[in-house]
Amino acid sequence: MNGQKKKGGLLRNSSLQSLIAALVCIVIGLLIGYIALLIINPAGAGKAIVAVMKNFLYYPSPMAAMMYFGSTLVKAAPLVLCSLSVLFAYKVGLFNIGAAGQYVAGAGACLYFALGFKMPWYVCVLAAVVAAALVGGISGFLKAYCNVNEVISCIMLNWIGLYTVNMILTGVKEPASPYTVQLTSGNPSALLPKMGLNTLFSNNQYVTIAIPLSVVVAVLVWILLEKTKFGYELKATGLNKQAAKYCGMREKRNIILTMMISGALAGLGAAFFYLSGMEQWMCTQTSVPAMGFNGIAAAFLGGLNPIGAVFSSYFIQHITNGGAYVDKTLYCAQISDFISAVIIYLCGFVFFFKIFMNRMLDRRDERRVKGSQKGGEA
């Protein structure tokens, strides 16, 4: 009986429930992806779904596998920061759907400081953080003083930020293309330092300190939210603004600070990606980069836990990159995007899974209590 109670107590642990719910989302997403592959062409469905899940392990050569593993990590690092941006605001009772726009602002700032002002990497990173924090602060100010829903203001700022950055970066683009000048030729000092990490991944030139720093930032966010007075005040403000105000907390300041920190995290993610030199900004793009929106999925798939967000971000990027290895004569590479989209969609049901799990445990406990009462009466 004691063992059963302990087991029930373990299953009621919120972190374990989040993990189970996330695994359920992943399994269902992969299953639906496999069914889609069977419908398209059943002959290669098994190999295709395996290729998506293997990603860099597709290569038999250890050196090639490590190089492409590094590329996956390079893209996962900014996704970690975007997921932290979303979950930080959510922990304080705000839904930062503007992480995408703040990511754009950070990308525009770091690239213009790098290519327009020829600044070193640390100045470019700081510029990205400040620019994105200011964009987030606008939504926070509107929420705090004008009671404007942060979702609406963030969506508007996403598009304002995109076209503003497009215009600004036109001044540092290549003459014959819509892309910004490559950092390797335009300003090598703006590239993030590698500190020898690239040698661990078969001299992958894009592997930088961004990868370990993203994990460090996740740990710092967890400490801030869970172990500090400031984090407690932020969460208290999100739970009940009036109660926080009654207790002497500056609720308006806390809302603005939350959105600024949230924006700064997304901007840092943009700096981590674009200052690696892996990708250039296209000044004619008409859609907001998906990194900020994928951060929403990574945050919820990770159970709104900063450490969980590290693993969920890597998984989403792993699956996305794995689509490049499917047989192109049978399927398109976007099948991995489809699988990721299904998993992202299912992330919205994580909390429903947890509620369903708790109800099942409640029914089991009720049956156990009734059974023990009958045994006592006998």
Protein backbone atom coordinates (compact mmCIF):
# COMPACT_ATOMS: atom_id res chain seq x y z
CA MET A 1 0.00 0.00 0.00
CA ASN A 2 2.82 2.41 0.84
CA GLY A 3 4.46 1.65 -2.51
CA GLN A 4 1.23 2.48 -4.29
CA LYS A 5 0.95 5.79 -2.47
CA LYS A 6 4.50 6.66 -3.39
CA LYS A 7 3.80 5.78 -6.98
CA GLY A 8 0.68 7.92 -7.01
CA GLY A 9 2.61 10.80 -5.46
CA LEU A 10 5.28 10.53 -8.13
CA LEU A 11 2.71 10.56 -10.92
CA ARG A 12 1.22 13.73 -9.46
CA ASN A 13 4.53 15.52 -9.78
CA SER A 14 4.00 18.41 -12.20
CA SER A 15 7.42 18.02 -13.87
CA LEU A 16 6.89 14.31 -14.48
CA GLN A 17 3.41 14.96 -15.86
CA SER A 18 4.83 17.60 -18.22
CA LEU A 19 7.45 15.10 -19.40
CA ILE A 20 4.87 12.38 -20.01
CA ALA A 21 2.59 14.83 -21.85
CA ALA A 22 5.48 16.02 -24.02
CA LEU A 23 6.42 12.44 -24.89
CA VAL A 24 2.80 11.71 -25.82
CA CYS A 25 2.80 14.76 -28.14
CA ILE A 26 6.03 13.60 -29.76
CA VAL A 27 4.86 10.02 -30.29
CA ILE A 28 1.50 11.10 -31.75
CA GLY A 29 3.23 13.66 -33.98
CA LEU A 30 5.65 11.07 -35.35
CA LEU A 31 2.82 8.58 -35.83
CA ILE A 32 0.75 11.09 -37.82
CA GLY A 33 3.85 11.96 -39.87
CA TYR A 34 4.38 8.28 -40.62
CA ILE A 35 0.75 7.89 -41.70
CA ALA A 36 1.18 10.89 -44.04
CA LEU A 37 4.27 9.23 -45.54
CA LEU A 38 2.32 5.99 -46.04
CA ILE A 39 -0.41 7.89 -47.86
CA ILE A 40 2.07 9.66 -50.15
CA ASN A 41 4.17 6.59 -50.93
CA PRO A 42 4.10 3.51 -48.68
CA ALA A 43 7.24 2.02 -50.26
CA GLY A 44 9.71 4.35 -48.53
CA ALA A 45 7.70 5.49 -45.52
CA GLY A 46 9.71 3.48 -43.00
CA LYS A 47 13.08 4.72 -44.25
CA ALA A 48 11.81 8.30 -44.45
CA ILE A 49 10.55 8.50 -40.88
CA VAL A 50 13.80 6.91 -39.66
CA ALA A 51 15.82 9.46 -41.65
CA VAL A 52 13.85 12.32 -40.09
CA MET A 53 14.49 10.99 -36.59
CA LYS A 54 18.16 10.18 -37.22
CA ASN A 55 19.08 13.60 -38.67
CA PHE A 56 22.91 13.89 -38.53
CA LEU A 57 23.23 10.19 -37.66
CA TYR A 58 22.22 9.58 -41.28
CA TYR A 59 25.92 9.94 -42.13
CA PRO A 60 28.04 6.82 -41.57
CA SER A 61 31.18 8.94 -41.22
CA PRO A 62 31.66 10.12 -37.60
CA MET A 63 33.30 13.35 -38.79
CA ALA A 64 30.42 14.22 -41.11
CA ALA A 65 27.89 13.31 -38.42
CA MET A 66 29.59 15.59 -35.89
CA MET A 67 29.74 18.46 -38.37
CA TYR A 68 26.01 18.32 -39.08
CA PHE A 69 25.28 17.75 -35.40
CA GLY A 70 27.01 21.07 -34.82
CA SER A 71 24.78 22.73 -37.41
CA THR A 72 21.70 21.44 -35.60
CA LEU A 73 23.01 22.86 -32.33
CA VAL A 74 23.72 26.23 -33.96
CA LYS A 75 20.07 26.49 -34.98
CA ALA A 76 18.83 25.11 -31.67
CA ALA A 77 20.62 27.79 -29.61
CA PRO A 78 18.42 30.72 -30.79
CA LEU A 79 15.34 28.52 -30.46
CA VAL A 80 16.23 27.94 -26.80
CA LEU A 81 16.34 31.70 -26.24
CA CYS A 82 13.01 32.26 -28.03
CA SER A 83 11.37 29.54 -25.92
CA LEU A 84 12.80 31.15 -22.78
CA SER A 85 11.33 34.47 -23.95
CA VAL A 86 7.87 32.96 -24.24
CA LEU A 87 7.94 30.98 -20.99
CA PHE A 88 9.38 33.89 -18.98
CA ALA A 89 6.43 36.09 -19.91
CA TYR A 90 3.97 33.22 -19.45
CA LYS A 91 5.23 32.54 -15.93
CA VAL A 92 4.35 36.14 -15.13
CA GLY A 93 0.86 35.82 -16.62
CA LEU A 94 1.62 37.36 -20.04
CA PHE A 95 1.51 35.69 -23.46
CA ASN A 96 4.44 37.02 -25.47
CA ILE A 97 3.43 36.13 -29.00
CA GLY A 98 5.72 38.98 -30.02
CA ALA A 99 8.89 36.94 -29.52
CA ALA A 100 9.07 36.73 -33.32
CA GLY A 101 9.03 40.51 -33.71
CA GLN A 102 11.52 40.97 -30.89
CA TYR A 103 13.73 38.38 -32.58
CA VAL A 104 13.51 40.45 -35.78
CA ALA A 105 14.45 43.63 -33.91
CA GLY A 106 17.45 41.87 -32.39
CA ALA A 107 18.55 40.56 -35.79
CA GLY A 108 18.26 44.00 -37.37
CA ALA A 109 20.19 45.71 -34.57
CA CYS A 110 23.07 43.22 -34.40
CA LEU A 111 23.50 43.09 -38.17
CA TYR A 112 23.39 46.87 -38.64
CA PHE A 113 25.87 47.44 -35.83
CA ALA A 114 28.09 44.75 -37.36
CA LEU A 115 27.92 45.84 -41.00
CA GLY A 116 26.99 49.53 -40.75
CA PHE A 117 29.05 50.60 -37.74
CA LYS A 118 31.70 47.82 -37.94
CA MET A 119 31.35 47.07 -34.23
CA PRO A 120 32.83 43.98 -32.50
CA TRP A 121 30.63 41.03 -31.60
CA TYR A 122 29.98 41.97 -27.96
CA VAL A 123 28.67 45.42 -28.94
CA CYS A 124 26.46 43.82 -31.60
CA VAL A 125 25.05 41.36 -29.05
CA LEU A 126 24.32 44.22 -26.63
CA ALA A 127 22.62 46.19 -29.41
CA ALA A 128 20.38 43.21 -30.23
CA VAL A 129 19.42 42.75 -26.57
CA VAL A 130 18.63 46.45 -26.07
CA ALA A 131 16.63 46.82 -29.31
CA ALA A 132 14.52 43.73 -28.62
CA ALA A 133 14.00 44.76 -24.99
CA LEU A 134 12.69 48.15 -26.12
CA VAL A 135 10.24 46.49 -28.52
CA GLY A 136 9.05 44.20 -25.74
CA GLY A 137 8.84 47.19 -23.41
CA ILE A 138 6.39 48.91 -25.74
CA SER A 139 3.93 46.05 -25.35
CA GLY A 140 4.55 46.02 -21.62
CA PHE A 141 3.92 49.76 -21.34
CA LEU A 142 0.68 49.51 -23.33
CA LYS A 143 -0.44 46.62 -21.11
CA ALA A 144 0.48 48.34 -17.85
CA TYR A 145 -0.83 51.85 -18.49
CA CYS A 146 -3.44 51.45 -21.25
CA ASN A 147 -4.65 47.89 -20.53
CA VAL A 148 -3.98 46.93 -24.16
CA ASN A 149 -3.92 43.17 -24.56
CA GLU A 150 -0.29 42.14 -25.08
CA VAL A 151 -1.26 39.62 -27.77
CA ILE A 152 -2.74 42.34 -29.99
CA SER A 153 0.11 44.81 -29.48
CA CYS A 154 2.72 42.10 -30.03
CA ILE A 155 1.15 40.94 -33.30
CA MET A 156 1.11 44.51 -34.62
CA LEU A 157 4.73 45.06 -33.57
CA ASN A 158 5.78 41.82 -35.31
CA TRP A 159 4.96 43.31 -38.70
CA ILE A 160 6.10 46.82 -37.87
CA GLY A 161 9.42 45.37 -36.77
CA LEU A 162 9.79 43.18 -39.89
CA TYR A 163 9.34 45.97 -42.44
CA THR A 164 11.35 48.46 -40.38
CA VAL A 165 14.28 46.04 -40.21
CA ASN A 166 13.95 45.33 -43.94
CA MET A 167 14.30 49.05 -44.67
CA ILE A 168 17.20 49.57 -42.26
CA LEU A 169 19.21 46.58 -43.47
CA THR A 170 18.78 47.63 -47.10
CA GLY A 171 21.67 49.97 -46.38
CA VAL A 172 24.04 47.05 -45.65
CA LYS A 173 22.92 44.53 -48.26
CA GLU A 174 24.91 43.13 -51.15
CA PRO A 175 24.59 45.25 -54.34
CA ALA A 176 23.43 42.40 -56.57
CA SER A 177 21.19 40.50 -54.14
CA PRO A 178 18.55 41.14 -51.46
CA TYR A 179 20.76 39.60 -48.77
CA THR A 180 22.89 41.47 -46.26
CA VAL A 181 26.66 41.40 -46.68
CA GLN A 182 28.30 38.28 -45.24
CA LEU A 183 29.97 38.90 -41.89
CA THR A 184 33.06 36.95 -42.93
CA SER A 185 33.82 39.61 -45.56
CA GLY A 186 31.96 42.62 -44.16
CA ASN A 187 33.19 42.53 -40.56
CA PRO A 188 34.84 39.35 -39.24
CA SER A 189 35.20 40.91 -35.77
CA ALA A 190 31.40 40.75 -35.41
CA LEU A 191 31.42 36.95 -35.58
CA LEU A 192 30.92 35.24 -32.24
CA PRO A 193 34.11 33.65 -30.89
CA LYS A 194 34.46 29.92 -31.31
CA MET A 195 36.80 29.27 -28.34
CA GLY A 196 37.85 25.98 -29.94
CA LEU A 197 34.31 24.59 -29.93
CA ASN A 198 34.32 24.27 -33.71
CA THR A 199 37.08 21.66 -33.51
CA LEU A 200 34.77 19.42 -31.50
CA PHE A 201 32.38 19.36 -34.46
CA SER A 202 34.79 18.60 -37.28
CA ASN A 203 35.76 22.26 -37.73
CA ASN A 204 32.20 23.42 -38.31
CA GLN A 205 32.79 27.14 -38.81
CA TYR A 206 29.39 28.14 -37.43
CA VAL A 207 29.77 26.52 -34.01
CA THR A 208 30.38 29.31 -31.48
CA ILE A 209 30.04 30.10 -27.78
CA ALA A 210 26.32 30.67 -28.45
CA ILE A 211 25.64 26.97 -27.85
CA PRO A 212 26.90 26.73 -24.25
CA LEU A 213 25.76 30.28 -23.48
CA SER A 214 22.15 29.41 -24.39
CA VAL A 215 22.20 26.65 -21.75
CA VAL A 216 23.74 29.03 -19.21
CA VAL A 217 21.00 31.58 -19.89
CA ALA A 218 18.35 28.87 -19.37
CA VAL A 219 19.81 28.05 -15.96
CA LEU A 220 19.95 31.77 -15.04
CA VAL A 221 16.29 32.22 -16.03
CA TRP A 222 15.33 29.25 -13.85
CA ILE A 223 17.25 30.73 -10.91
CA LEU A 224 15.69 34.15 -11.45
CA LEU A 225 12.14 32.81 -11.56
CA GLU A 226 12.38 30.19 -8.84
CA LYS A 227 15.04 31.33 -6.39
CA THR A 228 14.93 35.14 -6.20
CA LYS A 229 12.71 37.74 -4.59
CA PHE A 230 12.48 39.58 -7.91
CA GLY A 231 11.19 36.47 -9.66
CA TYR A 232 8.62 35.92 -6.91
CA GLU A 233 7.36 39.50 -7.31
CA LEU A 234 7.06 39.08 -11.06
CA LYS A 235 5.04 35.86 -10.70
CA ALA A 236 2.88 37.39 -7.98
CA THR A 237 2.09 40.32 -10.25
CA GLY A 238 1.08 37.94 -13.01
CA LEU A 239 -1.21 35.95 -10.72
CA ASN A 240 -3.04 38.99 -9.32
CA LYS A 241 -2.08 42.58 -10.10
CA GLN A 242 -4.37 44.04 -7.47
CA ALA A 243 -3.06 41.78 -4.72
CA ALA A 244 0.51 42.56 -5.73
CA LYS A 245 -0.25 46.29 -5.59
CA TYR A 246 -1.86 45.87 -2.16
CA CYS A 247 1.32 44.14 -0.93
CA GLY A 248 3.41 47.11 -2.00
CA MET A 249 4.71 45.69 -5.27
CA ARG A 250 5.02 48.02 -8.24
CA GLU A 251 2.78 46.05 -10.58
CA LYS A 252 3.09 48.36 -13.60
CA ARG A 253 6.87 48.37 -13.42
CA ASN A 254 6.90 44.58 -13.10
CA ILE A 255 4.76 44.12 -16.21
CA ILE A 256 7.02 46.39 -18.26
CA LEU A 257 10.18 44.73 -16.92
CA THR A 258 8.77 41.29 -17.71
CA MET A 259 8.15 42.16 -21.34
CA MET A 260 11.54 43.87 -21.62
CA ILE A 261 13.37 40.83 -20.24
CA SER A 262 11.29 38.57 -22.45
CA GLY A 263 12.16 40.69 -25.48
CA ALA A 264 15.83 40.80 -24.52
CA LEU A 265 15.94 36.98 -24.49
CA ALA A 266 14.48 36.80 -28.02
CA GLY A 267 16.92 39.47 -29.22
CA LEU A 268 19.82 37.54 -27.71
CA GLY A 269 18.66 34.49 -29.65
CA ALA A 270 18.77 36.49 -32.89
CA ALA A 271 22.30 37.67 -32.11
CA PHE A 272 23.38 34.10 -31.36
CA PHE A 273 22.14 32.98 -34.77
CA TYR A 274 23.04 35.80 -37.15
CA LEU A 275 26.42 36.53 -35.57
CA SER A 276 27.41 32.92 -36.15
CA GLY A 277 27.55 33.76 -39.86
CA MET A 278 25.33 30.82 -40.78
CA GLU A 279 22.64 32.89 -42.47
CA GLN A 280 22.18 36.32 -44.03
CA TRP A 281 19.09 38.50 -43.67
CA MET A 282 16.93 38.81 -46.81
CA CYS A 283 15.74 42.42 -47.02
CA THR A 284 12.76 41.56 -49.22
CA GLN A 285 11.18 38.91 -47.00
CA THR A 286 7.49 39.33 -46.30
CA SER A 287 7.09 36.84 -43.46
CA VAL A 288 8.35 36.98 -39.90
CA PRO A 289 11.04 34.32 -39.19
CA ALA A 290 9.52 31.19 -37.73
CA MET A 291 12.07 31.02 -34.91
CA GLY A 292 9.99 33.21 -32.60
CA PHE A 293 6.78 31.27 -33.22
CA ASN A 294 8.57 27.93 -32.83
CA GLY A 295 9.71 29.22 -29.47
CA ILE A 296 6.08 29.06 -28.32
CA ALA A 297 5.95 25.37 -29.15
CA ALA A 298 9.33 24.66 -27.56
CA ALA A 299 8.26 26.44 -24.36
CA PHE A 300 5.06 24.41 -23.99
CA LEU A 301 6.66 21.15 -25.13
CA GLY A 302 9.27 21.71 -22.42
CA GLY A 303 6.54 22.03 -19.80
CA LEU A 304 7.21 25.77 -19.34
CA ASN A 305 10.41 24.88 -17.54
CA PRO A 306 13.65 26.62 -18.61
CA ILE A 307 15.64 23.39 -18.44
CA GLY A 308 12.92 21.47 -20.27
CA ALA A 309 12.95 24.18 -22.95
CA VAL A 310 16.58 23.34 -23.74
CA PHE A 311 15.70 19.74 -24.60
CA SER A 312 12.44 20.53 -26.39
CA SER A 313 14.15 23.19 -28.52
CA TYR A 314 16.82 20.77 -29.58
CA PHE A 315 14.24 18.10 -30.39
CA ILE A 316 12.18 20.42 -32.59
CA GLN A 317 15.30 21.54 -34.44
CA HIS A 318 16.51 17.95 -34.73
CA ILE A 319 13.27 16.86 -36.40
CA THR A 320 13.20 19.93 -38.67
CA ASN A 321 16.75 19.36 -39.91
CA GLY A 322 16.08 15.65 -40.34
CA GLY A 323 13.74 16.35 -43.25
CA ALA A 324 16.74 17.09 -45.45
CA TYR A 325 17.64 13.39 -45.49
CA VAL A 326 14.41 11.89 -46.84
CA ASP A 327 14.40 10.48 -50.35
CA LYS A 328 13.59 13.54 -52.49
CA THR A 329 12.36 11.37 -55.35
CA LEU A 330 9.53 10.11 -53.13
CA TYR A 331 8.93 12.90 -50.61
CA CYS A 332 9.63 16.58 -50.14
CA ALA A 333 11.98 17.81 -47.42
CA GLN A 334 9.08 19.72 -45.84
CA ILE A 335 7.69 16.48 -44.40
CA SER A 336 9.75 17.24 -41.29
CA ASP A 337 8.10 20.66 -41.08
CA PHE A 338 4.74 18.89 -41.23
CA ILE A 339 5.72 16.58 -38.37
CA SER A 340 7.04 19.54 -36.36
CA ALA A 341 3.81 21.43 -37.04
CA VAL A 342 1.73 18.52 -35.75
CA ILE A 343 3.83 18.30 -32.60
CA ILE A 344 3.54 22.08 -32.20
CA TYR A 345 -0.23 21.82 -32.55
CA LEU A 346 -0.39 19.03 -29.98
CA CYS A 347 1.61 21.15 -27.54
CA GLY A 348 -1.57 23.12 -26.97
CA PHE A 349 -3.04 19.99 -25.40
CA VAL A 350 -0.22 19.43 -22.90
CA PHE A 351 -2.26 20.97 -20.10
CA PHE A 352 -5.31 18.92 -21.10
CA PHE A 353 -3.17 15.77 -20.86
CA LYS A 354 -2.11 16.80 -17.37
CA ILE A 355 -5.72 17.50 -16.32
CA PHE A 356 -6.80 14.13 -17.75
CA MET A 357 -3.96 12.40 -15.89
CA ASN A 358 -4.89 14.04 -12.58
CA ARG A 359 -8.54 13.03 -13.00
CA MET A 360 -7.51 9.43 -13.60
CA LEU A 361 -5.36 9.52 -10.46
CA ASP A 362 -8.25 11.03 -8.48
CA ARG A 363 -10.58 8.23 -9.59
CA ARG A 364 -7.98 5.63 -8.69
CA ASP A 365 -7.52 7.17 -5.22
CA GLU A 366 -11.30 7.22 -4.71
CA ARG A 367 -11.54 3.53 -5.58
CA ARG A 368 -8.64 2.78 -3.25
CA VAL A 369 -10.28 4.68 -0.37
CA LYS A 370 -13.63 2.94 -0.93
CA GLY A 371 -11.88 -0.42 -1.08
CA SER A 372 -10.04 0.21 2.21
CA GLN A 373 -13.30 1.37 3.87
CA LYS A 374 -15.08 -1.82 2.81
CA GLY A 375 -12.18 -3.86 4.06
CA GLY A 376 -12.33 -2.07 7.43
CA GLU A 377 -16.08 -2.67 7.74
CA ALA A 378 -15.62 -6.37 7.01
